[in-house]
Amino acid sequence: MNRKRSTEALNRPSIDDYANLPKLPVYVVLDNVRSAQNVGSFFRTMDAFRCEALFSCGITPAPPHREINKTALGATATVRHAHFKNTADCLDALRKLNAAVYAVEQTEHSTGLENFQAPQGRPLALVFGNEVDGVDQEIINRCEGSIEIPQFGTKHSLNIAVCGGIILWQLAGLKLSRTV
């Protein structure tokens, strides 16, 4: 029989232990994302892959927020986060950390996720955009490039939280110079 493992058997770190574990050098920037539940999903996914920090920008909801908590399931306590009034200020702050900033967007020159090579020796910042309008063109212009997930159906986009999960899983698999 193949039984589900109990929560205790999963041997997850405590919140205090998690704070001291090495992080995947990835920052997520949410550019005017409307849905608090999508934000909560990002927190939960970022906790799973031990990403560095989440930055909400513009109209993006930020903790504490009931709807974020509903999907984050406590991950707002483990994933570092901050809110910026606008995305441009956030990108300026990330550049001071020497982060390579990429939009997650379908552009004329985007790189397919399967071909993306993360910059070595630099943290990576990924900008995810509004559920309807995507990443603002002004913000795309401030990025070093863009990444897109190849799709083969009739729809032109994925839900932002699903997109985040796919990309962060791929980057965690590459390990980006991090020892787990």
C-alpha atoms as a PDB file:
ATOM      1  CA  MET A   1       0.000   0.000   0.000  1.00  0.00           C
ATOM      2  CA  ASN A   2       1.187   3.510  -0.764  1.00  0.00           C
ATOM      3  CA  ARG A   3       0.122   5.703   2.170  1.00  0.00           C
ATOM      4  CA  LYS A   4       0.247   9.446   2.416  1.00  0.00           C
ATOM      5  CA  ARG A   5       2.980  10.700   4.709  1.00  0.00           C
ATOM      6  CA  SER A   6       1.936  12.594   7.804  1.00  0.00           C
ATOM      7  CA  THR A   7       2.918  16.220   8.263  1.00  0.00           C
ATOM      8  CA  GLU A   8       5.446  15.141  10.902  1.00  0.00           C
ATOM      9  CA  ALA A   9       7.012  12.603   8.519  1.00  0.00           C
ATOM     10  CA  LEU A  10       7.646  15.359   5.964  1.00  0.00           C
ATOM     11  CA  ASN A  11      10.220  16.765   8.411  1.00  0.00           C
ATOM     12  CA  ARG A  12       9.679  20.412   7.434  1.00  0.00           C
ATOM     13  CA  PRO A  13      11.804  23.086   9.119  1.00  0.00           C
ATOM     14  CA  SER A  14      10.337  25.354  11.768  1.00  0.00           C
ATOM     15  CA  ILE A  15       9.783  29.016  10.895  1.00  0.00           C
ATOM     16  CA  ASP A  16      12.897  29.911  12.904  1.00  0.00           C
ATOM     17  CA  ASP A  17      15.011  27.226  11.193  1.00  0.00           C
ATOM     18  CA  TYR A  18      13.677  28.247   7.764  1.00  0.00           C
ATOM     19  CA  ALA A  19      14.945  31.804   8.293  1.00  0.00           C
ATOM     20  CA  ASN A  20      18.515  30.500   8.527  1.00  0.00           C
ATOM     21  CA  LEU A  21      18.396  28.101   5.570  1.00  0.00           C
ATOM     22  CA  PRO A  22      20.084  29.050   2.266  1.00  0.00           C
ATOM     23  CA  LYS A  23      17.696  30.676  -0.190  1.00  0.00           C
ATOM     24  CA  LEU A  24      17.320  30.396  -3.926  1.00  0.00           C
ATOM     25  CA  PRO A  25      18.679  33.777  -5.113  1.00  0.00           C
ATOM     26  CA  VAL A  26      15.380  34.744  -6.741  1.00  0.00           C
ATOM     27  CA  TYR A  27      13.252  37.792  -6.041  1.00  0.00           C
ATOM     28  CA  VAL A  28       9.678  37.972  -7.311  1.00  0.00           C
ATOM     29  CA  VAL A  29       8.220  41.345  -8.254  1.00  0.00           C
ATOM     30  CA  LEU A  30       4.443  41.560  -8.669  1.00  0.00           C
ATOM     31  CA  ASP A  31       3.612  44.485 -10.968  1.00  0.00           C
ATOM     32  CA  ASN A  32       0.062  45.666 -10.265  1.00  0.00           C
ATOM     33  CA  VAL A  33      -1.374  42.198  -9.678  1.00  0.00           C
ATOM     34  CA  ARG A  34      -5.040  42.485  -8.696  1.00  0.00           C
ATOM     35  CA  SER A  35      -5.820  39.192  -6.993  1.00  0.00           C
ATOM     36  CA  ALA A  36      -4.847  38.718  -3.364  1.00  0.00           C
ATOM     37  CA  GLN A  37      -5.290  34.970  -3.856  1.00  0.00           C
ATOM     38  CA  ASN A  38      -2.683  35.013  -6.623  1.00  0.00           C
ATOM     39  CA  VAL A  39      -0.360  36.890  -4.261  1.00  0.00           C
ATOM     40  CA  GLY A  40      -0.971  34.269  -1.580  1.00  0.00           C
ATOM     41  CA  SER A  41      -0.183  31.503  -4.056  1.00  0.00           C
ATOM     42  CA  PHE A  42       3.135  33.172  -4.837  1.00  0.00           C
ATOM     43  CA  PHE A  43       4.008  33.275  -1.137  1.00  0.00           C
ATOM     44  CA  ARG A  44       3.278  29.575  -0.788  1.00  0.00           C
ATOM     45  CA  THR A  45       5.257  28.628  -3.905  1.00  0.00           C
ATOM     46  CA  MET A  46       8.187  30.826  -2.880  1.00  0.00           C
ATOM     47  CA  ASP A  47       8.242  29.163   0.543  1.00  0.00           C
ATOM     48  CA  ALA A  48       8.301  25.729  -1.125  1.00  0.00           C
ATOM     49  CA  PHE A  49      11.354  26.625  -3.212  1.00  0.00           C
ATOM     50  CA  ARG A  50      12.980  28.846  -0.560  1.00  0.00           C
ATOM     51  CA  CYS A  51      13.114  31.981  -2.706  1.00  0.00           C
ATOM     52  CA  GLU A  52      14.716  35.143  -1.381  1.00  0.00           C
ATOM     53  CA  ALA A  53      11.859  37.702  -1.236  1.00  0.00           C
ATOM     54  CA  LEU A  54       8.577  38.894  -2.759  1.00  0.00           C
ATOM     55  CA  PHE A  55       7.930  42.530  -3.633  1.00  0.00           C
ATOM     56  CA  SER A  56       4.381  43.706  -4.252  1.00  0.00           C
ATOM     57  CA  CYS A  57       4.096  46.902  -6.289  1.00  0.00           C
ATOM     58  CA  GLY A  58       1.386  49.414  -7.095  1.00  0.00           C
ATOM     59  CA  ILE A  59      -2.124  48.042  -6.584  1.00  0.00           C
ATOM     60  CA  THR A  60      -0.845  44.582  -5.647  1.00  0.00           C
ATOM     61  CA  PRO A  61      -2.256  43.593  -2.234  1.00  0.00           C
ATOM     62  CA  ALA A  62       0.296  43.082   0.535  1.00  0.00           C
ATOM     63  CA  PRO A  63       0.197  41.332   3.918  1.00  0.00           C
ATOM     64  CA  PRO A  64      -1.507  41.452   6.250  1.00  0.00           C
ATOM     65  CA  HIS A  65      -4.509  40.606   4.093  1.00  0.00           C
ATOM     66  CA  ARG A  66      -7.219  38.004   4.684  1.00  0.00           C
ATOM     67  CA  GLU A  67      -7.356  36.790   1.070  1.00  0.00           C
ATOM     68  CA  ILE A  68      -3.549  36.479   0.855  1.00  0.00           C
ATOM     69  CA  ASN A  69      -3.538  34.441   4.070  1.00  0.00           C
ATOM     70  CA  LYS A  70      -6.215  32.130   2.672  1.00  0.00           C
ATOM     71  CA  THR A  71      -3.897  30.810  -0.049  1.00  0.00           C
ATOM     72  CA  ALA A  72      -0.495  31.508   1.540  1.00  0.00           C
ATOM     73  CA  LEU A  73      -1.259  29.181   4.468  1.00  0.00           C
ATOM     74  CA  GLY A  74       1.310  30.880   6.723  1.00  0.00           C
ATOM     75  CA  ALA A  75       4.014  31.499   4.101  1.00  0.00           C
ATOM     76  CA  THR A  76       3.864  35.248   4.751  1.00  0.00           C
ATOM     77  CA  ALA A  77       5.730  34.409   7.972  1.00  0.00           C
ATOM     78  CA  THR A  78       8.600  32.728   6.110  1.00  0.00           C
ATOM     79  CA  VAL A  79       9.019  34.619   2.833  1.00  0.00           C
ATOM     80  CA  ARG A  80      10.542  38.072   3.202  1.00  0.00           C
ATOM     81  CA  HIS A  81       8.381  40.726   1.585  1.00  0.00           C
ATOM     82  CA  ALA A  82       7.978  44.457   1.076  1.00  0.00           C
ATOM     83  CA  HIS A  83       5.622  46.765  -0.786  1.00  0.00           C
ATOM     84  CA  PHE A  84       6.654  49.511  -3.217  1.00  0.00           C
ATOM     85  CA  LYS A  85       4.339  52.263  -4.433  1.00  0.00           C
ATOM     86  CA  ASN A  86       5.553  51.613  -7.955  1.00  0.00           C
ATOM     87  CA  THR A  87       7.463  48.909  -9.759  1.00  0.00           C
ATOM     88  CA  ALA A  88      10.172  51.231 -11.108  1.00  0.00           C
ATOM     89  CA  ASP A  89      11.322  52.052  -7.551  1.00  0.00           C
ATOM     90  CA  CYS A  90      11.438  48.331  -6.767  1.00  0.00           C
ATOM     91  CA  LEU A  91      13.617  47.637  -9.813  1.00  0.00           C
ATOM     92  CA  ASP A  92      15.960  50.466  -8.791  1.00  0.00           C
ATOM     93  CA  ALA A  93      16.341  48.845  -5.352  1.00  0.00           C
ATOM     94  CA  LEU A  94      17.009  45.439  -6.938  1.00  0.00           C
ATOM     95  CA  ARG A  95      19.685  46.894  -9.217  1.00  0.00           C
ATOM     96  CA  LYS A  96      21.500  48.104  -6.088  1.00  0.00           C
ATOM     97  CA  LEU A  97      21.645  44.400  -5.120  1.00  0.00           C
ATOM     98  CA  ASN A  98      23.144  43.642  -8.568  1.00  0.00           C
ATOM     99  CA  ALA A  99      20.066  41.600  -9.474  1.00  0.00           C
ATOM    100  CA  ALA A 100      19.483  40.583 -13.080  1.00  0.00           C
ATOM    101  CA  VAL A 101      15.916  41.710 -13.785  1.00  0.00           C
ATOM    102  CA  TYR A 102      13.734  39.792 -16.253  1.00  0.00           C
ATOM    103  CA  ALA A 103      10.081  40.257 -17.124  1.00  0.00           C
ATOM    104  CA  VAL A 104       7.946  37.144 -17.370  1.00  0.00           C
ATOM    105  CA  GLU A 105       6.125  38.191 -20.494  1.00  0.00           C
ATOM    106  CA  GLN A 106       5.543  37.315 -24.136  1.00  0.00           C
ATOM    107  CA  THR A 107       7.650  39.840 -26.044  1.00  0.00           C
ATOM    108  CA  GLU A 108       9.212  40.029 -29.510  1.00  0.00           C
ATOM    109  CA  HIS A 109      12.535  38.827 -28.107  1.00  0.00           C
ATOM    110  CA  SER A 110      11.543  36.726 -25.099  1.00  0.00           C
ATOM    111  CA  THR A 111      13.511  33.605 -24.260  1.00  0.00           C
ATOM    112  CA  GLY A 112      11.598  30.380 -23.837  1.00  0.00           C
ATOM    113  CA  LEU A 113      11.894  29.056 -20.294  1.00  0.00           C
ATOM    114  CA  GLU A 114      13.463  25.854 -21.626  1.00  0.00           C
ATOM    115  CA  ASN A 115      16.340  27.940 -23.098  1.00  0.00           C
ATOM    116  CA  PHE A 116      16.754  30.466 -20.289  1.00  0.00           C
ATOM    117  CA  GLN A 117      20.218  30.610 -18.747  1.00  0.00           C
ATOM    118  CA  ALA A 118      20.205  32.324 -15.372  1.00  0.00           C
ATOM    119  CA  PRO A 119      23.048  34.802 -14.943  1.00  0.00           C
ATOM    120  CA  GLN A 120      25.880  33.350 -12.882  1.00  0.00           C
ATOM    121  CA  GLY A 121      26.938  35.055  -9.692  1.00  0.00           C
ATOM    122  CA  ARG A 122      23.968  37.429  -9.573  1.00  0.00           C
ATOM    123  CA  PRO A 123      20.570  37.144  -7.960  1.00  0.00           C
ATOM    124  CA  LEU A 124      17.628  36.974 -10.338  1.00  0.00           C
ATOM    125  CA  ALA A 125      14.551  39.202 -10.138  1.00  0.00           C
ATOM    126  CA  LEU A 126      11.440  38.108 -12.015  1.00  0.00           C
ATOM    127  CA  VAL A 127       8.675  40.598 -12.770  1.00  0.00           C
ATOM    128  CA  PHE A 128       5.176  39.138 -13.108  1.00  0.00           C
ATOM    129  CA  GLY A 129       2.415  41.422 -14.379  1.00  0.00           C
ATOM    130  CA  ASN A 130      -1.230  42.219 -14.030  1.00  0.00           C
ATOM    131  CA  GLU A 131      -3.660  39.390 -14.759  1.00  0.00           C
ATOM    132  CA  VAL A 132      -5.198  41.230 -17.732  1.00  0.00           C
ATOM    133  CA  ASP A 133      -2.522  43.598 -19.045  1.00  0.00           C
ATOM    134  CA  GLY A 134       0.659  41.705 -18.131  1.00  0.00           C
ATOM    135  CA  VAL A 135       3.887  43.510 -17.300  1.00  0.00           C
ATOM    136  CA  ASP A 136       3.715  47.217 -18.112  1.00  0.00           C
ATOM    137  CA  GLN A 137       5.767  48.138 -21.213  1.00  0.00           C
ATOM    138  CA  GLU A 138       7.706  50.790 -19.252  1.00  0.00           C
ATOM    139  CA  ILE A 139       8.793  48.045 -16.842  1.00  0.00           C
ATOM    140  CA  ILE A 140       9.690  45.654 -19.683  1.00  0.00           C
ATOM    141  CA  ASN A 141      11.931  48.399 -21.075  1.00  0.00           C
ATOM    142  CA  ARG A 142      13.810  48.487 -17.741  1.00  0.00           C
ATOM    143  CA  CYS A 143      14.462  44.722 -17.763  1.00  0.00           C
ATOM    144  CA  GLU A 144      17.508  42.899 -19.123  1.00  0.00           C
ATOM    145  CA  GLY A 145      15.233  40.543 -21.016  1.00  0.00           C
ATOM    146  CA  SER A 146      12.050  38.553 -20.841  1.00  0.00           C
ATOM    147  CA  ILE A 147      11.167  34.918 -20.281  1.00  0.00           C
ATOM    148  CA  GLU A 148       8.096  33.119 -21.554  1.00  0.00           C
ATOM    149  CA  ILE A 149       6.628  29.686 -21.008  1.00  0.00           C
ATOM    150  CA  PRO A 150       5.955  27.960 -24.334  1.00  0.00           C
ATOM    151  CA  GLN A 151       2.265  27.171 -24.784  1.00  0.00           C
ATOM    152  CA  PHE A 152       0.499  25.064 -27.371  1.00  0.00           C
ATOM    153  CA  GLY A 153      -3.224  25.623 -26.849  1.00  0.00           C
ATOM    154  CA  THR A 154      -5.706  28.254 -27.934  1.00  0.00           C
ATOM    155  CA  LYS A 155      -5.239  30.548 -24.923  1.00  0.00           C
ATOM    156  CA  HIS A 156      -2.452  33.084 -24.974  1.00  0.00           C
ATOM    157  CA  SER A 157      -1.597  33.048 -21.276  1.00  0.00           C
ATOM    158  CA  LEU A 158      -1.539  31.099 -18.037  1.00  0.00           C
ATOM    159  CA  ASN A 159      -2.855  32.173 -14.666  1.00  0.00           C
ATOM    160  CA  ILE A 160      -0.109  34.243 -13.040  1.00  0.00           C
ATOM    161  CA  ALA A 161       0.209  31.952 -10.003  1.00  0.00           C
ATOM    162  CA  VAL A 162       0.456  28.869 -12.240  1.00  0.00           C
ATOM    163  CA  CYS A 163       3.069  30.659 -14.333  1.00  0.00           C
ATOM    164  CA  GLY A 164       5.010  31.515 -11.164  1.00  0.00           C
ATOM    165  CA  GLY A 165       4.923  27.899 -10.021  1.00  0.00           C
ATOM    166  CA  ILE A 166       6.252  26.603 -13.331  1.00  0.00           C
ATOM    167  CA  ILE A 167       9.081  29.121 -13.538  1.00  0.00           C
ATOM    168  CA  LEU A 168      10.139  28.867  -9.891  1.00  0.00           C
ATOM    169  CA  TRP A 169      10.103  25.054 -10.073  1.00  0.00           C
ATOM    170  CA  GLN A 170      12.340  25.183 -13.155  1.00  0.00           C
ATOM    171  CA  LEU A 171      14.766  27.607 -11.489  1.00  0.00           C
ATOM    172  CA  ALA A 172      14.828  25.570  -8.276  1.00  0.00           C
ATOM    173  CA  GLY A 173      15.666  22.524 -10.376  1.00  0.00           C
ATOM    174  CA  LEU A 174      18.605  24.393 -11.874  1.00  0.00           C
ATOM    175  CA  LYS A 175      19.528  25.277  -8.278  1.00  0.00           C
ATOM    176  CA  LEU A 176      21.027  28.631  -9.349  1.00  0.00           C
ATOM    177  CA  SER A 177      24.245  28.011  -7.423  1.00  0.00           C
ATOM    178  CA  ARG A 178      22.422  27.176  -4.196  1.00  0.00           C
ATOM    179  CA  THR A 179      23.072  24.162  -2.030  1.00  0.00           C
ATOM    180  CA  VAL A 180      19.925  22.738  -0.506  1.00  0.00           C
END
